[in-house]
Amino acid sequence: MNRLQNENTRGITGWAVEIHDLVLGKYLSGREKDLEFNKQVVGLGLVSREKLLGRIGDWELPEAIKEQIRTKIESENFSFVPPHS
């Protein structure tokens, strides 16, 4: 989680889920719409395969479920190439 608080928030604290954690949660849910979301996030180069695979080890889940998520991550196309300007 990322804490957000500055003059623009007028002293109110907001919390944002870090994108790698968000993507891992969506892999865990396994819903078609979440997997499509992840495909788009990966395609835009917003997450790193290495960070996803490393972070899944920190989650308290049965090893079989972790392995299913690793398989989903490995099946993604992480070959993002930024557009030429």
C-alpha atoms as a PDB file:
ATOM      1  CA  MET A   1       0.000   0.000   0.000  1.00  0.00           C
ATOM      2  CA  ASN A   2       1.147   3.488  -0.801  1.00  0.00           C
ATOM      3  CA  ARG A   3       0.218   6.324   1.536  1.00  0.00           C
ATOM      4  CA  LEU A   4      -0.891   9.543  -0.150  1.00  0.00           C
ATOM      5  CA  GLN A   5      -1.053  12.742   1.853  1.00  0.00           C
ATOM      6  CA  ASN A   6      -0.034  16.217   0.784  1.00  0.00           C
ATOM      7  CA  GLU A   7      -1.422  19.715   0.302  1.00  0.00           C
ATOM      8  CA  ASN A   8      -3.555  18.449  -2.590  1.00  0.00           C
ATOM      9  CA  THR A   9      -5.345  15.992  -0.271  1.00  0.00           C
ATOM     10  CA  ARG A  10      -5.981  18.785   2.280  1.00  0.00           C
ATOM     11  CA  GLY A  11      -4.481  16.702   5.058  1.00  0.00           C
ATOM     12  CA  ILE A  12      -6.613  13.665   4.329  1.00  0.00           C
ATOM     13  CA  THR A  13      -4.718  10.397   3.976  1.00  0.00           C
ATOM     14  CA  GLY A  14      -5.487   8.170   1.034  1.00  0.00           C
ATOM     15  CA  TRP A  15      -4.187   4.668   0.394  1.00  0.00           C
ATOM     16  CA  ALA A  16      -3.421   3.132  -2.996  1.00  0.00           C
ATOM     17  CA  VAL A  17      -2.662  -0.501  -3.753  1.00  0.00           C
ATOM     18  CA  GLU A  18       0.740  -0.959  -5.372  1.00  0.00           C
ATOM     19  CA  ILE A  19       0.217  -2.187  -8.952  1.00  0.00           C
ATOM     20  CA  HIS A  20       2.104  -5.485  -8.564  1.00  0.00           C
ATOM     21  CA  ASP A  21      -0.066  -6.380  -5.548  1.00  0.00           C
ATOM     22  CA  LEU A  22      -3.190  -5.401  -7.493  1.00  0.00           C
ATOM     23  CA  VAL A  23      -2.201  -7.629 -10.424  1.00  0.00           C
ATOM     24  CA  LEU A  24      -1.383 -10.563  -8.138  1.00  0.00           C
ATOM     25  CA  GLY A  25      -4.783 -10.216  -6.468  1.00  0.00           C
ATOM     26  CA  LYS A  26      -6.436 -10.332  -9.865  1.00  0.00           C
ATOM     27  CA  TYR A  27      -4.490 -13.471 -10.816  1.00  0.00           C
ATOM     28  CA  LEU A  28      -5.668 -14.987  -7.536  1.00  0.00           C
ATOM     29  CA  SER A  29      -9.329 -14.171  -8.252  1.00  0.00           C
ATOM     30  CA  GLY A  30      -9.001 -15.795 -11.681  1.00  0.00           C
ATOM     31  CA  ARG A  31     -12.076 -14.037 -13.095  1.00  0.00           C
ATOM     32  CA  GLU A  32     -12.002 -13.512 -16.847  1.00  0.00           C
ATOM     33  CA  LYS A  33     -12.333  -9.718 -16.503  1.00  0.00           C
ATOM     34  CA  ASP A  34      -9.406  -9.638 -14.050  1.00  0.00           C
ATOM     35  CA  LEU A  35      -7.197 -11.765 -16.271  1.00  0.00           C
ATOM     36  CA  GLU A  36      -8.019  -9.453 -19.195  1.00  0.00           C
ATOM     37  CA  PHE A  37      -7.133  -6.442 -17.029  1.00  0.00           C
ATOM     38  CA  ASN A  38      -3.795  -8.071 -16.190  1.00  0.00           C
ATOM     39  CA  LYS A  39      -3.109  -8.785 -19.848  1.00  0.00           C
ATOM     40  CA  GLN A  40      -3.576  -5.073 -20.598  1.00  0.00           C
ATOM     41  CA  VAL A  41      -1.394  -3.978 -17.667  1.00  0.00           C
ATOM     42  CA  VAL A  42       1.357  -6.382 -18.742  1.00  0.00           C
ATOM     43  CA  GLY A  43       1.005  -5.284 -22.369  1.00  0.00           C
ATOM     44  CA  LEU A  44       1.506  -1.655 -21.373  1.00  0.00           C
ATOM     45  CA  GLY A  45       4.694  -2.532 -19.504  1.00  0.00           C
ATOM     46  CA  LEU A  46       3.356  -1.348 -16.138  1.00  0.00           C
ATOM     47  CA  VAL A  47       4.554  -4.403 -14.186  1.00  0.00           C
ATOM     48  CA  SER A  48       7.648  -6.557 -14.110  1.00  0.00           C
ATOM     49  CA  ARG A  49       7.602 -10.356 -14.373  1.00  0.00           C
ATOM     50  CA  GLU A  50      10.471 -10.564 -11.883  1.00  0.00           C
ATOM     51  CA  LYS A  51       8.663  -8.402  -9.306  1.00  0.00           C
ATOM     52  CA  LEU A  52       5.449 -10.406  -9.678  1.00  0.00           C
ATOM     53  CA  LEU A  53       7.238 -13.731  -9.309  1.00  0.00           C
ATOM     54  CA  GLY A  54       9.279 -12.465  -6.370  1.00  0.00           C
ATOM     55  CA  ARG A  55       6.328 -10.976  -4.552  1.00  0.00           C
ATOM     56  CA  ILE A  56       4.129 -14.079  -4.847  1.00  0.00           C
ATOM     57  CA  GLY A  57       6.590 -15.787  -2.492  1.00  0.00           C
ATOM     58  CA  ASP A  58       5.627 -13.296   0.236  1.00  0.00           C
ATOM     59  CA  TRP A  59       1.937 -14.188   0.115  1.00  0.00           C
ATOM     60  CA  GLU A  60       0.578 -16.663   2.637  1.00  0.00           C
ATOM     61  CA  LEU A  61      -1.075 -19.109   0.247  1.00  0.00           C
ATOM     62  CA  PRO A  62      -0.877 -22.843  -0.296  1.00  0.00           C
ATOM     63  CA  GLU A  63       2.034 -23.698  -2.578  1.00  0.00           C
ATOM     64  CA  ALA A  64      -0.326 -25.226  -5.169  1.00  0.00           C
ATOM     65  CA  ILE A  65      -2.149 -21.897  -5.557  1.00  0.00           C
ATOM     66  CA  LYS A  66       1.149 -19.989  -5.759  1.00  0.00           C
ATOM     67  CA  GLU A  67       2.205 -22.340  -8.544  1.00  0.00           C
ATOM     68  CA  GLN A  68      -1.043 -21.699 -10.450  1.00  0.00           C
ATOM     69  CA  ILE A  69      -0.404 -17.956 -10.242  1.00  0.00           C
ATOM     70  CA  ARG A  70       3.240 -18.408 -11.333  1.00  0.00           C
ATOM     71  CA  THR A  71       1.975 -20.351 -14.366  1.00  0.00           C
ATOM     72  CA  LYS A  72      -0.395 -17.497 -15.274  1.00  0.00           C
ATOM     73  CA  ILE A  73       2.424 -14.965 -14.924  1.00  0.00           C
ATOM     74  CA  GLU A  74       4.771 -17.038 -17.075  1.00  0.00           C
ATOM     75  CA  SER A  75       2.112 -17.293 -19.798  1.00  0.00           C
ATOM     76  CA  GLU A  76       1.952 -13.493 -20.206  1.00  0.00           C
ATOM     77  CA  ASN A  77       3.765 -11.600 -22.951  1.00  0.00           C
ATOM     78  CA  PHE A  78       6.123  -9.193 -21.170  1.00  0.00           C
ATOM     79  CA  SER A  79       7.723  -7.904 -24.382  1.00  0.00           C
ATOM     80  CA  PHE A  80       6.546  -4.289 -24.064  1.00  0.00           C
ATOM     81  CA  VAL A  81       8.263  -1.955 -26.496  1.00  0.00           C
ATOM     82  CA  PRO A  82       7.602   1.743 -25.954  1.00  0.00           C
ATOM     83  CA  PRO A  83       6.324   3.610 -29.012  1.00  0.00           C
ATOM     84  CA  HIS A  84       8.800   5.759 -30.907  1.00  0.00           C
ATOM     85  CA  SER A  85       8.252   9.487 -30.537  1.00  0.00           C
END
